[in-house]
Protein backbone atom coordinates (compact mmCIF):
# COMPACT_ATOMS: atom_id res chain seq x y z
CA ALA A 1 2.82 11.16 -21.24
CA LEU A 2 3.86 8.15 -23.52
CA THR A 3 3.91 10.53 -26.53
CA ILE A 4 6.05 12.78 -25.02
CA GLN A 5 8.24 9.90 -24.08
CA LYS A 6 8.08 8.89 -27.71
CA ALA A 7 6.78 5.47 -26.95
CA PRO A 8 6.05 3.45 -30.05
CA VAL A 9 2.32 4.10 -31.17
CA ARG A 10 1.64 0.30 -31.18
CA GLU A 11 2.55 0.35 -27.36
CA ILE A 12 0.38 3.25 -26.16
CA ASP A 13 -3.18 2.05 -26.62
CA PRO A 14 -2.50 -1.45 -24.84
CA ARG A 15 -0.52 0.28 -21.92
CA VAL A 16 -3.21 2.76 -21.38
CA ARG A 17 -5.88 0.01 -21.42
CA GLU A 18 -3.71 -2.07 -18.90
CA ALA A 19 -3.52 0.76 -16.62
CA ALA A 20 -7.36 1.50 -16.86
CA ARG A 21 -8.02 -2.15 -16.24
CA THR A 22 -5.68 -2.45 -13.22
CA LEU A 23 -7.19 0.63 -11.70
CA GLY A 24 -10.69 -0.42 -12.69
CA ILE A 25 -11.48 2.53 -14.88
CA GLU A 26 -12.06 1.28 -18.21
CA ASP A 27 -15.58 2.84 -18.17
CA VAL A 28 -14.10 6.52 -17.77
CA LEU A 29 -11.88 6.33 -20.62
CA GLN A 30 -14.11 8.30 -23.09
CA LYS A 31 -15.50 10.69 -20.26
CA TYR A 32 -14.45 14.37 -19.63
CA PRO A 33 -12.98 15.08 -16.27
CA TYR A 34 -15.88 17.12 -15.29
CA GLN A 35 -18.08 13.94 -15.82
CA MET A 36 -15.90 11.77 -13.38
CA SER A 37 -16.37 11.71 -9.62
CA GLY A 38 -13.50 12.67 -7.23
CA GLY A 39 -12.33 8.98 -6.85
CA GLN A 40 -12.73 8.35 -10.52
CA LYS A 41 -10.46 11.58 -11.22
CA GLN A 42 -7.81 10.14 -8.67
CA ARG A 43 -7.53 6.84 -10.08
CA VAL A 44 -6.92 8.37 -13.63
CA ALA A 45 -4.30 10.48 -12.24
CA ALA A 46 -2.63 7.41 -10.76
CA ALA A 47 -3.12 5.51 -14.01
CA ARG A 48 -1.57 8.43 -15.94
CA ALA A 49 1.47 8.37 -13.35
CA THR A 50 1.96 4.50 -13.52
CA VAL A 51 1.41 4.14 -17.38
CA THR A 52 4.72 5.35 -18.23
CA ARG A 53 6.46 2.76 -15.79
CA PRO A 54 8.60 5.61 -13.97
CA HIS A 55 11.57 4.85 -11.95
CA LEU A 56 10.33 6.58 -9.18
CA VAL A 57 6.68 7.13 -7.83
CA LEU A 58 5.89 9.71 -5.28
CA ALA A 59 2.63 9.04 -3.72
CA ASP A 60 0.92 11.35 -1.25
CA GLU A 61 -1.78 9.66 0.67
CA PRO A 62 -2.85 7.77 -2.69
CA THR A 63 -5.81 6.14 -1.30
CA GLY A 64 -7.18 9.18 0.63
CA ALA A 65 -10.49 9.80 -1.18
CA LEU A 66 -11.08 6.35 -2.52
CA ASP A 67 -13.54 3.42 -1.48
CA SER A 68 -11.65 0.27 -0.24
CA LYS A 69 -12.04 -1.53 -3.76
CA SER A 70 -10.61 1.39 -5.54
CA ALA A 71 -7.72 1.77 -2.76
CA ARG A 72 -6.97 -1.89 -3.20
CA GLN A 73 -6.68 -1.61 -6.97
CA LEU A 74 -4.30 1.43 -6.48
CA LEU A 75 -2.15 -0.37 -4.08
CA GLU A 76 -1.82 -3.45 -6.32
CA SER A 77 -1.08 -1.24 -9.19
CA LEU A 78 1.84 0.35 -7.19
CA ALA A 79 3.28 -3.14 -5.98
CA HIS A 80 3.23 -4.41 -9.63
CA LEU A 81 5.10 -1.45 -10.50
CA ASN A 82 7.52 -1.94 -7.73
CA GLU A 83 7.83 -5.65 -8.88
CA ARG A 84 8.87 -4.11 -12.34
CA GLY A 85 11.62 -1.95 -10.62
CA SER A 86 10.10 1.22 -9.96
CA THR A 87 10.79 2.69 -6.41
CA ILE A 88 7.50 3.83 -4.52
CA LEU A 89 7.86 6.61 -1.95
CA MET A 90 4.45 6.70 -0.23
CA VAL A 91 3.31 9.28 2.42
CA THR A 92 0.43 7.97 4.47
CA HIS A 93 -1.10 7.66 7.98
CA SER A 94 -2.26 4.24 7.09
CA MET A 95 0.03 1.66 8.61
CA ASP A 96 -2.17 -1.27 7.06
CA GLU A 97 -0.98 0.19 3.74
CA VAL A 98 2.47 0.45 4.62
CA ALA A 99 2.38 -3.27 6.04
CA GLN A 100 1.22 -4.61 2.49
CA LEU A 101 3.64 -2.66 0.24
CA ALA A 102 6.82 -1.29 2.29
CA ASP A 103 10.15 -2.92 2.53
CA ARG A 104 11.56 0.08 4.20
CA MET A 105 9.72 2.89 6.18
CA LEU A 106 10.61 6.16 7.57
CA VAL A 107 8.60 7.42 10.45
CA LEU A 108 8.56 11.29 10.76
CA ASN A 109 7.46 13.31 13.71
CA GLU A 110 7.27 16.95 13.71
CA GLY A 111 9.73 17.01 11.03
CA THR A 112 12.49 14.68 12.16
CA ILE A 113 13.24 10.99 11.58
CA GLU A 114 11.68 9.20 14.54
CA MET A 115 12.20 5.62 13.48
CA SER A 116 13.70 4.02 10.31
CA GLY A 117 13.70 0.18 9.30
CA THR A 118 11.82 -2.58 8.01
CA PRO A 119 8.00 -2.87 8.82
CA ARG A 120 8.80 -5.44 11.33
CA GLU A 121 11.53 -3.20 13.14
CA VAL A 122 9.21 -0.26 13.09
CA PHE A 123 6.21 -1.82 14.18
CA SER A 124 7.80 -3.64 17.05
CA HIS A 125 7.72 -0.20 18.59
CA ALA A 126 3.80 0.01 18.76
CA ALA A 127 4.02 2.09 22.05
CA ARG A 128 6.41 4.51 20.67
CA LEU A 129 4.02 4.77 17.39
CA ALA A 130 1.17 5.39 19.73
CA GLU A 131 2.90 8.07 21.48
CA ILE A 132 3.13 10.13 18.29
CA GLY A 133 -0.24 9.46 17.22
CA LEU A 134 0.30 6.52 14.67
CA SER A 135 -1.02 3.14 15.05
CA VAL A 136 0.34 -0.39 14.18
CA PRO A 137 -1.48 -2.55 11.36
CA GLN A 138 -4.88 -4.02 12.68
CA VAL A 139 -3.00 -7.60 12.57
CA THR A 140 -0.25 -6.50 14.89
CA ALA A 141 -2.64 -4.71 17.20
CA LEU A 142 -4.57 -8.15 17.25
CA PHE A 143 -1.31 -10.08 17.92
CA LEU A 144 -0.08 -7.98 20.64
CA ARG A 145 -3.30 -8.06 22.49
CA LEU A 146 -3.18 -11.98 21.90
CA ARG A 147 0.39 -11.93 23.58
CA GLU A 148 -0.80 -10.03 26.36
CA LEU A 149 -3.48 -12.48 27.26
CA GLY A 150 -0.64 -15.13 27.25
CA VAL A 151 -1.08 -16.61 23.75
CA ASP A 152 2.11 -17.77 22.14
CA VAL A 153 2.22 -15.64 18.99
CA ASP A 154 4.63 -13.39 17.42
CA PRO A 155 3.84 -9.81 18.32
CA THR A 156 5.87 -8.51 15.33
CA THR A 157 3.33 -10.06 12.79
CA PHE A 158 1.86 -7.28 10.48
CA THR A 159 0.15 -8.69 7.56
CA VAL A 160 -2.66 -11.31 7.19
CA GLU A 161 -0.26 -13.57 5.23
CA GLN A 162 2.17 -13.70 8.08
CA ALA A 163 -0.92 -14.36 10.60
CA VAL A 164 -2.74 -17.28 8.90
CA PRO A 165 0.08 -20.07 9.56
CA GLN A 166 0.08 -18.77 13.28
CA LEU A 167 -3.67 -18.67 13.69
CA ARG A 168 -3.87 -22.23 12.06
CA ALA A 169 -1.30 -23.51 14.29
CA LEU A 170 -3.23 -22.24 17.59
CA LEU A 171 -6.40 -23.90 16.14
CA GLU A 172 -4.65 -26.95 15.70
CA GLY A 173 -3.07 -26.82 19.25
CA ARG A 174 0.55 -26.01 18.28
CA ALA A 175 2.86 -23.13 19.05
CA HIS A 176 3.15 -20.54 16.78
CA ALA A 177 4.91 -21.18 13.34
């Protein structure tokens, strides 16, 4: 891909090695595809897609066949690409992944747009998401349950980073931060 894009020869090896390191596949660089596991092949495909630093990445259930460590590495790679200016369009049923990466969401239901907005806006409709077969992130589910029990937390919390200060404040006897 880099050769087709006419990337300078001196950039090709470092960029390939960076993508391999990011996705934890340095050990498969010298292997043939038939020698790789399904997860390794998926990570190689992701590395190939990301090594060119594309403007747009289309990712359809990108972590579907990956173990949790490999999935985390792939999501970090996508986040890194996004920070460098790439747009990531990801199709997934994993709301925890969406919570980590998305700044905008479209929720489709039977081919039509059911909801659109920021993760905070969309996840605030937990009941409707459940009706169409989707869940909210685990953190959101926990905070919704705490709210039902009368605990003063923000029920639109959807990441661990957002949850920690509130939980810390609860442990210290203060209202949510």
